[in-house]
Amino acid sequence: MNLEIIAFVLSLFCVALNAKGHVLTWPLAIISSLAYSWVFQDAKLFGDAALQLVFVVLAIYGWVKWFKKTTSSIAFSHIKAKSITYMAIACLALFVLIKFALIQYTSSDVPTIDAFLTAASLVATYMSAHKWIENWLVWAFVDVIYIGLYIFKGLYLTAVLYGLFIALCVLGWHQWSKLMGSEGNKA
């Protein structure tokens, strides 16, 4: 079986579980990220390949954060204005660093877009680990751009996956909104 197909299926289940707010999203994120790291390396999307390895680390972080949050009263919430500023600064700084690394150390033919999408994806994953509902907005924006990149690189199945991710972003937003409402009703 083609590794892209395996990564596709695992990623789809991972994001579907995330949309439901299920903690098992994180172990699936680890496995799917490892598979996609290999796929992206072969496609010379070095930023995305490295991103997948960082996703593994962030998935471990998210798994720990979500596990702790399921055993406490802290849960899904809106991002604070101060954190939005921090996320924007982090995205810009990551973009500059990643673009520099891609230009200097790889043969990437798309360093600017690869760096931007990698930086924004890292920020979105961090936001998801903190259960900030706005992570779905960042993901939807990033996924739209990823579709074009993956079509350009001939990764058509992955482009379809990212189209499905956009639908899951809508589902995730609605599901997390409901969870936030039900948590507010418990207080």
N, C-alpha and C. Protein backbone atom coordinates (compact mmCIF):
# COMPACT_ATOMS: atom_id res chain seq x y z
N MET A 1 0.84 -1.19 0.00
CA MET A 1 0.00 0.00 0.00
C MET A 1 0.88 1.25 0.00
N ASN A 2 0.50 2.24 -0.75
CA ASN A 2 1.22 3.49 -0.86
C ASN A 2 1.23 4.22 0.48
N LEU A 3 2.38 4.73 0.89
CA LEU A 3 2.51 5.41 2.17
C LEU A 3 1.62 6.66 2.24
N GLU A 4 1.43 7.35 1.12
CA GLU A 4 0.55 8.52 1.12
C GLU A 4 -0.88 8.12 1.47
N ILE A 5 -1.32 6.96 1.02
CA ILE A 5 -2.68 6.48 1.34
C ILE A 5 -2.80 6.20 2.83
N ILE A 6 -1.80 5.54 3.39
CA ILE A 6 -1.81 5.25 4.83
C ILE A 6 -1.82 6.55 5.63
N ALA A 7 -0.96 7.49 5.26
CA ALA A 7 -0.90 8.78 5.96
C ALA A 7 -2.23 9.52 5.82
N PHE A 8 -2.84 9.44 4.63
CA PHE A 8 -4.14 10.06 4.36
C PHE A 8 -5.19 9.55 5.35
N VAL A 9 -5.32 8.23 5.44
CA VAL A 9 -6.34 7.63 6.29
C VAL A 9 -6.10 7.98 7.76
N LEU A 10 -4.87 7.84 8.20
CA LEU A 10 -4.54 8.15 9.60
C LEU A 10 -4.82 9.62 9.92
N SER A 11 -4.45 10.51 9.01
CA SER A 11 -4.66 11.95 9.22
C SER A 11 -6.13 12.29 9.26
N LEU A 12 -6.91 11.67 8.40
CA LEU A 12 -8.34 11.93 8.37
C LEU A 12 -8.98 11.53 9.70
N PHE A 13 -8.64 10.35 10.19
CA PHE A 13 -9.17 9.91 11.49
C PHE A 13 -8.69 10.82 12.61
N CYS A 14 -7.44 11.24 12.55
CA CYS A 14 -6.87 12.12 13.56
C CYS A 14 -7.66 13.43 13.66
N VAL A 15 -7.88 14.08 12.53
CA VAL A 15 -8.58 15.37 12.55
C VAL A 15 -10.06 15.18 12.90
N ALA A 16 -10.65 14.07 12.47
CA ALA A 16 -12.05 13.79 12.85
C ALA A 16 -12.17 13.64 14.36
N LEU A 17 -11.23 12.94 14.97
CA LEU A 17 -11.24 12.80 16.44
C LEU A 17 -11.01 14.16 17.11
N ASN A 18 -10.13 14.97 16.55
CA ASN A 18 -9.88 16.30 17.09
C ASN A 18 -11.15 17.14 17.03
N ALA A 19 -11.86 17.04 15.92
CA ALA A 19 -13.11 17.80 15.77
C ALA A 19 -14.12 17.41 16.85
N LYS A 20 -14.07 16.16 17.27
CA LYS A 20 -14.96 15.69 18.34
C LYS A 20 -14.42 16.01 19.73
N GLY A 21 -13.19 16.53 19.78
CA GLY A 21 -12.60 16.86 21.07
C GLY A 21 -12.11 15.63 21.81
N HIS A 22 -11.71 14.58 21.08
CA HIS A 22 -11.29 13.32 21.68
C HIS A 22 -9.77 13.28 21.87
N VAL A 23 -9.34 12.86 23.01
CA VAL A 23 -7.91 12.84 23.36
C VAL A 23 -7.10 11.87 22.49
N LEU A 24 -7.74 10.87 21.89
CA LEU A 24 -7.00 9.93 21.04
C LEU A 24 -6.55 10.54 19.72
N THR A 25 -6.93 11.79 19.48
CA THR A 25 -6.42 12.49 18.30
C THR A 25 -4.90 12.53 18.33
N TRP A 26 -4.33 12.66 19.52
CA TRP A 26 -2.88 12.88 19.63
C TRP A 26 -2.03 11.66 19.28
N PRO A 27 -2.35 10.43 19.71
CA PRO A 27 -1.53 9.31 19.25
C PRO A 27 -1.65 9.09 17.74
N LEU A 28 -2.84 9.32 17.19
CA LEU A 28 -2.98 9.22 15.73
C LEU A 28 -2.17 10.32 15.04
N ALA A 29 -2.08 11.48 15.66
CA ALA A 29 -1.27 12.57 15.09
C ALA A 29 0.20 12.16 15.03
N ILE A 30 0.66 11.46 16.03
CA ILE A 30 2.05 11.00 16.04
C ILE A 30 2.31 10.06 14.87
N ILE A 31 1.47 9.07 14.71
CA ILE A 31 1.67 8.06 13.65
C ILE A 31 1.51 8.69 12.26
N SER A 32 0.46 9.48 12.07
CA SER A 32 0.23 10.08 10.75
C SER A 32 1.32 11.08 10.40
N SER A 33 1.81 11.80 11.38
CA SER A 33 2.89 12.76 11.14
C SER A 33 4.18 12.07 10.71
N LEU A 34 4.48 10.94 11.33
CA LEU A 34 5.67 10.19 10.93
C LEU A 34 5.53 9.69 9.48
N ALA A 35 4.34 9.24 9.13
CA ALA A 35 4.12 8.75 7.75
C ALA A 35 4.23 9.90 6.76
N TYR A 36 3.60 11.03 7.07
CA TYR A 36 3.64 12.15 6.14
C TYR A 36 5.02 12.79 6.06
N SER A 37 5.82 12.68 7.10
CA SER A 37 7.18 13.20 7.04
C SER A 37 7.94 12.51 5.90
N TRP A 38 7.75 11.23 5.79
CA TRP A 38 8.42 10.48 4.73
C TRP A 38 7.87 10.87 3.35
N VAL A 39 6.55 11.00 3.25
CA VAL A 39 5.92 11.38 1.98
C VAL A 39 6.43 12.75 1.52
N PHE A 40 6.47 13.71 2.44
CA PHE A 40 6.89 15.07 2.08
C PHE A 40 8.39 15.13 1.77
N GLN A 41 9.18 14.33 2.44
CA GLN A 41 10.61 14.27 2.13
C GLN A 41 10.80 13.83 0.68
N ASP A 42 10.06 12.82 0.28
CA ASP A 42 10.15 12.33 -1.11
C ASP A 42 9.71 13.38 -2.12
N ALA A 43 8.76 14.25 -1.72
CA ALA A 43 8.24 15.29 -2.62
C ALA A 43 9.09 16.57 -2.56
N LYS A 44 10.17 16.53 -1.79
CA LYS A 44 11.06 17.69 -1.60
C LYS A 44 10.34 18.88 -0.97
N LEU A 45 9.36 18.59 -0.14
CA LEU A 45 8.71 19.60 0.69
C LEU A 45 9.36 19.50 2.07
N PHE A 46 10.58 20.02 2.14
CA PHE A 46 11.41 19.81 3.33
C PHE A 46 10.85 20.51 4.56
N GLY A 47 10.25 21.68 4.37
CA GLY A 47 9.61 22.36 5.50
C GLY A 47 8.48 21.52 6.05
N ASP A 48 7.65 20.99 5.16
CA ASP A 48 6.54 20.14 5.60
C ASP A 48 7.05 18.84 6.22
N ALA A 49 8.12 18.28 5.68
CA ALA A 49 8.68 17.06 6.26
C ALA A 49 9.17 17.31 7.68
N ALA A 50 9.89 18.41 7.87
CA ALA A 50 10.37 18.77 9.21
C ALA A 50 9.19 19.11 10.12
N LEU A 51 8.20 19.78 9.55
CA LEU A 51 7.00 20.13 10.33
C LEU A 51 6.36 18.88 10.92
N GLN A 52 6.30 17.81 10.14
CA GLN A 52 5.69 16.58 10.63
C GLN A 52 6.43 16.04 11.84
N LEU A 53 7.75 16.19 11.85
CA LEU A 53 8.52 15.74 13.01
C LEU A 53 8.27 16.63 14.23
N VAL A 54 8.10 17.92 13.97
CA VAL A 54 7.74 18.82 15.07
C VAL A 54 6.33 18.50 15.56
N PHE A 55 5.44 18.12 14.62
CA PHE A 55 4.09 17.71 15.01
C PHE A 55 4.12 16.53 15.97
N VAL A 56 5.08 15.64 15.79
CA VAL A 56 5.20 14.50 16.70
C VAL A 56 5.44 15.02 18.12
N VAL A 57 6.36 15.96 18.25
CA VAL A 57 6.66 16.54 19.57
C VAL A 57 5.45 17.29 20.11
N LEU A 58 4.81 18.10 19.25
CA LEU A 58 3.63 18.85 19.67
C LEU A 58 2.46 17.91 20.00
N ALA A 59 2.37 16.79 19.32
CA ALA A 59 1.31 15.82 19.62
C ALA A 59 1.52 15.22 21.01
N ILE A 60 2.75 14.97 21.36
CA ILE A 60 3.03 14.48 22.72
C ILE A 60 2.64 15.56 23.73
N TYR A 61 3.00 16.81 23.43
CA TYR A 61 2.63 17.94 24.29
C TYR A 61 1.11 18.05 24.39
N GLY A 62 0.43 17.99 23.24
CA GLY A 62 -1.03 18.08 23.22
C GLY A 62 -1.69 16.96 23.99
N TRP A 63 -1.16 15.75 23.84
CA TRP A 63 -1.69 14.59 24.53
C TRP A 63 -1.62 14.80 26.04
N VAL A 64 -0.47 15.27 26.52
CA VAL A 64 -0.29 15.54 27.95
C VAL A 64 -1.23 16.65 28.41
N LYS A 65 -1.30 17.76 27.62
CA LYS A 65 -2.17 18.88 27.99
C LYS A 65 -3.64 18.45 28.04
N TRP A 66 -4.08 17.71 27.02
CA TRP A 66 -5.48 17.29 26.97
C TRP A 66 -5.78 16.29 28.07
N PHE A 67 -4.84 15.40 28.36
CA PHE A 67 -5.06 14.44 29.43
C PHE A 67 -5.23 15.17 30.75
N LYS A 68 -4.37 16.16 31.00
CA LYS A 68 -4.48 16.95 32.23
C LYS A 68 -5.80 17.71 32.26
N LYS A 69 -6.21 18.26 31.11
CA LYS A 69 -7.44 19.04 31.06
C LYS A 69 -8.68 18.17 31.21
N THR A 70 -8.61 16.91 30.83
CA THR A 70 -9.78 16.05 31.01
C THR A 70 -9.95 15.66 32.47
N THR A 71 -8.91 15.83 33.27
CA THR A 71 -9.01 15.50 34.69
C THR A 71 -9.15 16.77 35.54
N SER A 72 -9.33 17.93 34.89
CA SER A 72 -9.53 19.17 35.64
C SER A 72 -10.69 19.94 35.02
N SER A 73 -10.96 21.12 35.53
CA SER A 73 -12.10 21.90 35.02
C SER A 73 -11.72 22.78 33.82
N ILE A 74 -10.44 22.85 33.46
CA ILE A 74 -10.00 23.65 32.32
C ILE A 74 -10.37 22.91 31.04
N ALA A 75 -10.98 23.62 30.09
CA ALA A 75 -11.39 22.94 28.86
C ALA A 75 -11.34 23.88 27.67
N PHE A 76 -12.19 23.68 26.72
CA PHE A 76 -12.23 24.46 25.49
C PHE A 76 -12.54 25.92 25.80
N SER A 77 -11.88 26.83 25.07
CA SER A 77 -12.10 28.26 25.33
C SER A 77 -11.71 29.08 24.11
N HIS A 78 -12.02 30.37 24.19
CA HIS A 78 -11.57 31.33 23.18
C HIS A 78 -10.17 31.81 23.57
N ILE A 79 -9.38 32.12 22.57
CA ILE A 79 -8.05 32.64 22.80
C ILE A 79 -8.15 34.07 23.35
N LYS A 80 -7.28 34.42 24.25
CA LYS A 80 -7.23 35.78 24.80
C LYS A 80 -6.53 36.71 23.81
N ALA A 81 -6.86 37.98 23.83
CA ALA A 81 -6.28 38.96 22.91
C ALA A 81 -4.75 38.98 23.00
N LYS A 82 -4.24 38.90 24.20
CA LYS A 82 -2.79 38.90 24.40
C LYS A 82 -2.15 37.69 23.72
N SER A 83 -2.81 36.55 23.79
CA SER A 83 -2.28 35.35 23.16
C SER A 83 -2.33 35.43 21.64
N ILE A 84 -3.31 36.14 21.10
CA ILE A 84 -3.37 36.33 19.64
C ILE A 84 -2.12 37.06 19.18
N THR A 85 -1.74 38.08 19.91
CA THR A 85 -0.52 38.83 19.58
C THR A 85 0.70 37.93 19.64
N TYR A 86 0.79 37.12 20.68
CA TYR A 86 1.92 36.19 20.82
C TYR A 86 1.94 35.18 19.67
N MET A 87 0.78 34.69 19.28
CA MET A 87 0.70 33.72 18.18
C MET A 87 1.14 34.36 16.86
N ALA A 88 0.74 35.61 16.63
CA ALA A 88 1.14 36.31 15.40
C ALA A 88 2.65 36.53 15.36
N ILE A 89 3.21 36.94 16.49
CA ILE A 89 4.66 37.16 16.57
C ILE A 89 5.39 35.83 16.38
N ALA A 90 4.90 34.77 17.00
CA ALA A 90 5.53 33.45 16.86
C ALA A 90 5.47 33.00 15.41
N CYS A 91 4.35 33.22 14.75
CA CYS A 91 4.20 32.81 13.35
C CYS A 91 5.19 33.56 12.46
N LEU A 92 5.32 34.85 12.67
CA LEU A 92 6.25 35.66 11.88
C LEU A 92 7.70 35.22 12.12
N ALA A 93 8.06 35.04 13.37
CA ALA A 93 9.43 34.63 13.70
C ALA A 93 9.74 33.25 13.12
N LEU A 94 8.81 32.32 13.26
CA LEU A 94 9.00 30.99 12.70
C LEU A 94 9.12 31.04 11.18
N PHE A 95 8.29 31.84 10.54
CA PHE A 95 8.35 32.00 9.09
C PHE A 95 9.74 32.44 8.64
N VAL A 96 10.27 33.48 9.28
CA VAL A 96 11.58 34.01 8.90
C VAL A 96 12.66 32.94 9.09
N LEU A 97 12.64 32.27 10.23
CA LEU A 97 13.65 31.23 10.51
C LEU A 97 13.53 30.04 9.55
N ILE A 98 12.32 29.59 9.31
CA ILE A 98 12.12 28.43 8.45
C ILE A 98 12.48 28.76 7.01
N LYS A 99 12.09 29.94 6.54
CA LYS A 99 12.42 30.33 5.17
C LYS A 99 13.93 30.39 4.99
N PHE A 100 14.61 30.99 5.94
CA PHE A 100 16.07 31.04 5.88
C PHE A 100 16.66 29.64 5.79
N ALA A 101 16.19 28.74 6.65
CA ALA A 101 16.72 27.37 6.66
C ALA A 101 16.42 26.65 5.34
N LEU A 102 15.24 26.84 4.82
CA LEU A 102 14.88 26.18 3.55
C LEU A 102 15.75 26.69 2.40
N ILE A 103 15.99 27.99 2.37
CA ILE A 103 16.80 28.56 1.29
C ILE A 103 18.26 28.14 1.43
N GLN A 104 18.78 28.17 2.65
CA GLN A 104 20.19 27.90 2.88
C GLN A 104 20.55 26.41 2.85
N TYR A 105 19.66 25.56 3.31
CA TYR A 105 20.05 24.18 3.57
C TYR A 105 19.28 23.11 2.80
N THR A 106 18.35 23.52 1.93
CA THR A 106 17.59 22.51 1.17
C THR A 106 17.52 22.90 -0.30
N SER A 107 16.99 21.99 -1.08
CA SER A 107 16.77 22.26 -2.50
C SER A 107 15.30 22.57 -2.78
N SER A 108 14.60 23.09 -1.78
CA SER A 108 13.17 23.40 -1.91
C SER A 108 12.94 24.37 -3.06
N ASP A 109 11.94 24.06 -3.88
CA ASP A 109 11.58 24.96 -4.97
C ASP A 109 10.42 25.88 -4.57
N VAL A 110 9.94 25.75 -3.33
CA VAL A 110 8.84 26.58 -2.83
C VAL A 110 9.12 27.04 -1.39
N PRO A 111 10.28 27.65 -1.14
CA PRO A 111 10.64 27.94 0.25
C PRO A 111 9.71 28.94 0.95
N THR A 112 9.21 29.92 0.25
CA THR A 112 8.39 30.95 0.91
C THR A 112 7.06 30.37 1.37
N ILE A 113 6.35 29.72 0.48
CA ILE A 113 5.04 29.17 0.86
C ILE A 113 5.20 28.01 1.84
N ASP A 114 6.23 27.20 1.65
CA ASP A 114 6.50 26.10 2.57
C ASP A 114 6.78 26.63 3.97
N ALA A 115 7.57 27.69 4.05
CA ALA A 115 7.90 28.29 5.36
C ALA A 115 6.67 28.89 6.02
N PHE A 116 5.87 29.62 5.22
CA PHE A 116 4.67 30.24 5.79
C PHE A 116 3.71 29.18 6.32
N LEU A 117 3.43 28.16 5.51
CA LEU A 117 2.47 27.14 5.93
C LEU A 117 2.99 26.33 7.11
N THR A 118 4.29 26.09 7.13
CA THR A 118 4.89 25.38 8.26
C THR A 118 4.74 26.20 9.54
N ALA A 119 5.06 27.48 9.47
CA ALA A 119 4.95 28.35 10.65
C ALA A 119 3.51 28.43 11.15
N ALA A 120 2.58 28.67 10.23
CA ALA A 120 1.17 28.79 10.62
C ALA A 120 0.62 27.47 11.17
N SER A 121 1.08 26.35 10.63
CA SER A 121 0.64 25.05 11.13
C SER A 121 1.15 24.78 12.54
N LEU A 122 2.37 25.19 12.81
CA LEU A 122 2.90 25.05 14.17
C LEU A 122 2.08 25.86 15.17
N VAL A 123 1.74 27.07 14.79
CA VAL A 123 0.93 27.93 15.66
C VAL A 123 -0.46 27.31 15.86
N ALA A 124 -1.07 26.81 14.79
CA ALA A 124 -2.40 26.21 14.89
C ALA A 124 -2.38 24.97 15.79
N THR A 125 -1.32 24.17 15.69
CA THR A 125 -1.21 22.99 16.53
C THR A 125 -1.06 23.37 18.01
N TYR A 126 -0.26 24.39 18.27
CA TYR A 126 -0.10 24.88 19.64
C TYR A 126 -1.45 25.36 20.17
N MET A 127 -2.20 26.08 19.33
CA MET A 127 -3.52 26.58 19.73
C MET A 127 -4.47 25.42 20.02
N SER A 128 -4.39 24.37 19.21
CA SER A 128 -5.24 23.19 19.42
C SER A 128 -4.89 22.49 20.74
N ALA A 129 -3.60 22.41 21.03
CA ALA A 129 -3.18 21.79 22.28
C ALA A 129 -3.73 22.53 23.49
N HIS A 130 -3.92 23.84 23.33
CA HIS A 130 -4.47 24.65 24.42
C HIS A 130 -5.99 24.72 24.38
N LYS A 131 -6.59 24.00 23.42
CA LYS A 131 -8.04 23.94 23.27
C LYS A 131 -8.66 25.30 22.99
N TRP A 132 -7.93 26.13 22.25
CA TRP A 132 -8.48 27.42 21.82
C TRP A 132 -9.25 27.18 20.54
N ILE A 133 -10.52 27.47 20.53
CA ILE A 133 -11.40 27.18 19.40
C ILE A 133 -10.93 27.85 18.10
N GLU A 134 -10.28 28.97 18.20
CA GLU A 134 -9.82 29.70 17.01
C GLU A 134 -8.77 28.94 16.21
N ASN A 135 -8.24 27.85 16.76
CA ASN A 135 -7.31 27.03 16.00
C ASN A 135 -7.96 26.57 14.71
N TRP A 136 -9.27 26.34 14.72
CA TRP A 136 -9.98 25.87 13.53
C TRP A 136 -9.97 26.91 12.42
N LEU A 137 -9.99 28.19 12.77
CA LEU A 137 -9.93 29.24 11.76
C LEU A 137 -8.56 29.28 11.09
N VAL A 138 -7.52 29.15 11.91
CA VAL A 138 -6.16 29.14 11.37
C VAL A 138 -5.99 27.92 10.46
N TRP A 139 -6.46 26.77 10.93
CA TRP A 139 -6.33 25.55 10.12
C TRP A 139 -7.06 25.67 8.79
N ALA A 140 -8.27 26.22 8.81
CA ALA A 140 -9.04 26.35 7.56
C ALA A 140 -8.29 27.23 6.56
N PHE A 141 -7.75 28.34 7.03
CA PHE A 141 -6.98 29.25 6.17
C PHE A 141 -5.76 28.55 5.58
N VAL A 142 -5.02 27.87 6.44
CA VAL A 142 -3.81 27.16 6.02
C VAL A 142 -4.15 26.03 5.04
N ASP A 143 -5.22 25.30 5.33
CA ASP A 143 -5.60 24.17 4.49
C ASP A 143 -5.95 24.59 3.07
N VAL A 144 -6.61 25.72 2.92
CA VAL A 144 -6.94 26.22 1.58
C VAL A 144 -5.66 26.42 0.76
N ILE A 145 -4.65 27.00 1.37
CA ILE A 145 -3.40 27.25 0.66
C ILE A 145 -2.65 25.95 0.41
N TYR A 146 -2.70 25.04 1.40
CA TYR A 146 -2.03 23.74 1.22
C TYR A 146 -2.59 22.99 0.01
N ILE A 147 -3.88 23.09 -0.25
CA ILE A 147 -4.46 22.38 -1.39
C ILE A 147 -3.74 22.77 -2.67
N GLY A 148 -3.56 24.06 -2.88
CA GLY A 148 -2.85 24.51 -4.07
C GLY A 148 -1.42 24.03 -4.12
N LEU A 149 -0.73 24.06 -2.99
CA LEU A 149 0.66 23.59 -2.94
C LEU A 149 0.76 22.11 -3.28
N TYR A 150 -0.13 21.31 -2.72
CA TYR A 150 -0.06 19.88 -2.96
C TYR A 150 -0.44 19.52 -4.39
N ILE A 151 -1.35 20.26 -4.99
CA ILE A 151 -1.65 20.05 -6.41
C ILE A 151 -0.40 20.38 -7.23
N PHE A 152 0.24 21.49 -6.93
CA PHE A 152 1.46 21.89 -7.62
C PHE A 152 2.54 20.81 -7.52
N LYS A 153 2.63 20.17 -6.35
CA LYS A 153 3.67 19.16 -6.13
C LYS A 153 3.24 17.75 -6.57
N GLY A 154 2.03 17.62 -7.13
CA GLY A 154 1.56 16.32 -7.60
C GLY A 154 1.07 15.39 -6.51
N LEU A 155 0.81 15.92 -5.33
CA LEU A 155 0.29 15.11 -4.21
C LEU A 155 -1.23 15.27 -4.18
N TYR A 156 -1.89 14.71 -5.18
CA TYR A 156 -3.33 14.93 -5.38
C TYR A 156 -4.17 14.33 -4.26
N LEU A 157 -3.81 13.17 -3.77
CA LEU A 157 -4.56 12.57 -2.67
C LEU A 157 -4.46 13.43 -1.42
N THR A 158 -3.28 13.96 -1.18
CA THR A 158 -3.09 14.83 -0.02
C THR A 158 -3.87 16.14 -0.21
N ALA A 159 -3.96 16.64 -1.43
CA ALA A 159 -4.79 17.83 -1.70
C ALA A 159 -6.25 17.55 -1.37
N VAL A 160 -6.74 16.37 -1.74
CA VAL A 160 -8.11 15.98 -1.39
C VAL A 160 -8.26 15.93 0.13
N LEU A 161 -7.28 15.36 0.81
CA LEU A 161 -7.31 15.28 2.27
C LEU A 161 -7.47 16.67 2.88
N TYR A 162 -6.73 17.63 2.38
CA TYR A 162 -6.80 18.97 2.94
C TYR A 162 -8.13 19.65 2.62
N GLY A 163 -8.76 19.27 1.52
CA GLY A 163 -10.12 19.71 1.26
C GLY A 163 -11.08 19.15 2.31
N LEU A 164 -10.90 17.88 2.65
CA LEU A 164 -11.71 17.27 3.71
C LEU A 164 -11.41 17.91 5.06
N PHE A 165 -10.15 18.28 5.27
CA PHE A 165 -9.79 18.96 6.52
C PHE A 165 -10.58 20.26 6.69
N ILE A 166 -10.83 20.97 5.60
CA ILE A 166 -11.59 22.22 5.70
C ILE A 166 -12.99 21.92 6.22
N ALA A 167 -13.61 20.87 5.70
CA ALA A 167 -14.94 20.48 6.20
C ALA A 167 -14.85 20.09 7.68
N LEU A 168 -13.78 19.40 8.05
CA LEU A 168 -13.60 19.02 9.45
C LEU A 168 -13.33 20.24 10.34
N CYS A 169 -12.75 21.29 9.77
CA CYS A 169 -12.57 22.53 10.53
C CYS A 169 -13.93 23.12 10.90
N VAL A 170 -14.85 23.10 9.97
CA VAL A 170 -16.21 23.59 10.25
C VAL A 170 -16.86 22.72 11.32
N LEU A 171 -16.75 21.41 11.15
CA LEU A 171 -17.30 20.49 12.15
C LEU A 171 -16.64 20.71 13.51
N GLY A 172 -15.31 20.85 13.52
CA GLY A 172 -14.59 21.07 14.76
C GLY A 172 -15.03 22.34 15.47
N TRP A 173 -15.19 23.42 14.70
CA TRP A 173 -15.64 24.68 15.28
C TRP A 173 -17.01 24.50 15.95
N HIS A 174 -17.93 23.87 15.23
CA HIS A 174 -19.28 23.67 15.78
C HIS A 174 -19.27 22.74 16.99
N GLN A 175 -18.51 21.67 16.90
CA GLN A 175 -18.45 20.72 18.01
C GLN A 175 -17.83 21.35 19.25
N TRP A 176 -16.71 22.05 19.07
CA TRP A 176 -16.06 22.68 20.22
C TRP A 176 -16.95 23.78 20.80
N SER A 177 -17.70 24.49 19.94
CA SER A 177 -18.63 25.51 20.43
C SER A 177 -19.68 24.88 21.32
N LYS A 178 -20.20 23.72 20.91
CA LYS A 178 -21.18 23.00 21.74
C LYS A 178 -20.55 22.57 23.06
N LEU A 179 -19.33 22.06 22.98
CA LEU A 179 -18.64 21.63 24.21
C LEU A 179 -18.41 22.80 25.14
N MET A 180 -18.06 23.95 24.57
CA MET A 180 -17.86 25.14 25.40
C MET A 180 -19.17 25.54 26.06
N GLY A 181 -20.27 25.45 25.33
CA GLY A 181 -21.58 25.78 25.88
C GLY A 181 -22.00 24.82 26.98
N SER A 182 -21.74 23.52 26.78
CA SER A 182 -22.14 22.53 27.79
C SER A 182 -21.26 22.66 29.03
N GLU A 183 -20.00 23.05 28.85
CA GLU A 183 -19.12 23.25 30.01
C GLU A 183 -19.58 24.46 30.81
N GLY A 184 -20.06 25.48 30.11
CA GLY A 184 -20.57 26.68 30.79
C GLY A 184 -21.84 26.37 31.58
N ASN A 185 -22.62 25.38 31.10
CA ASN A 185 -23.84 25.01 31.78
C ASN A 185 -23.59 24.22 33.05
N LYS A 186 -22.40 23.62 33.15
CA LYS A 186 -22.06 22.83 34.34
C LYS A 186 -21.70 23.72 35.53
N ALA A 187 -21.26 24.95 35.24
CA ALA A 187 -20.80 25.83 36.31
C ALA A 187 -21.93 26.36 37.14
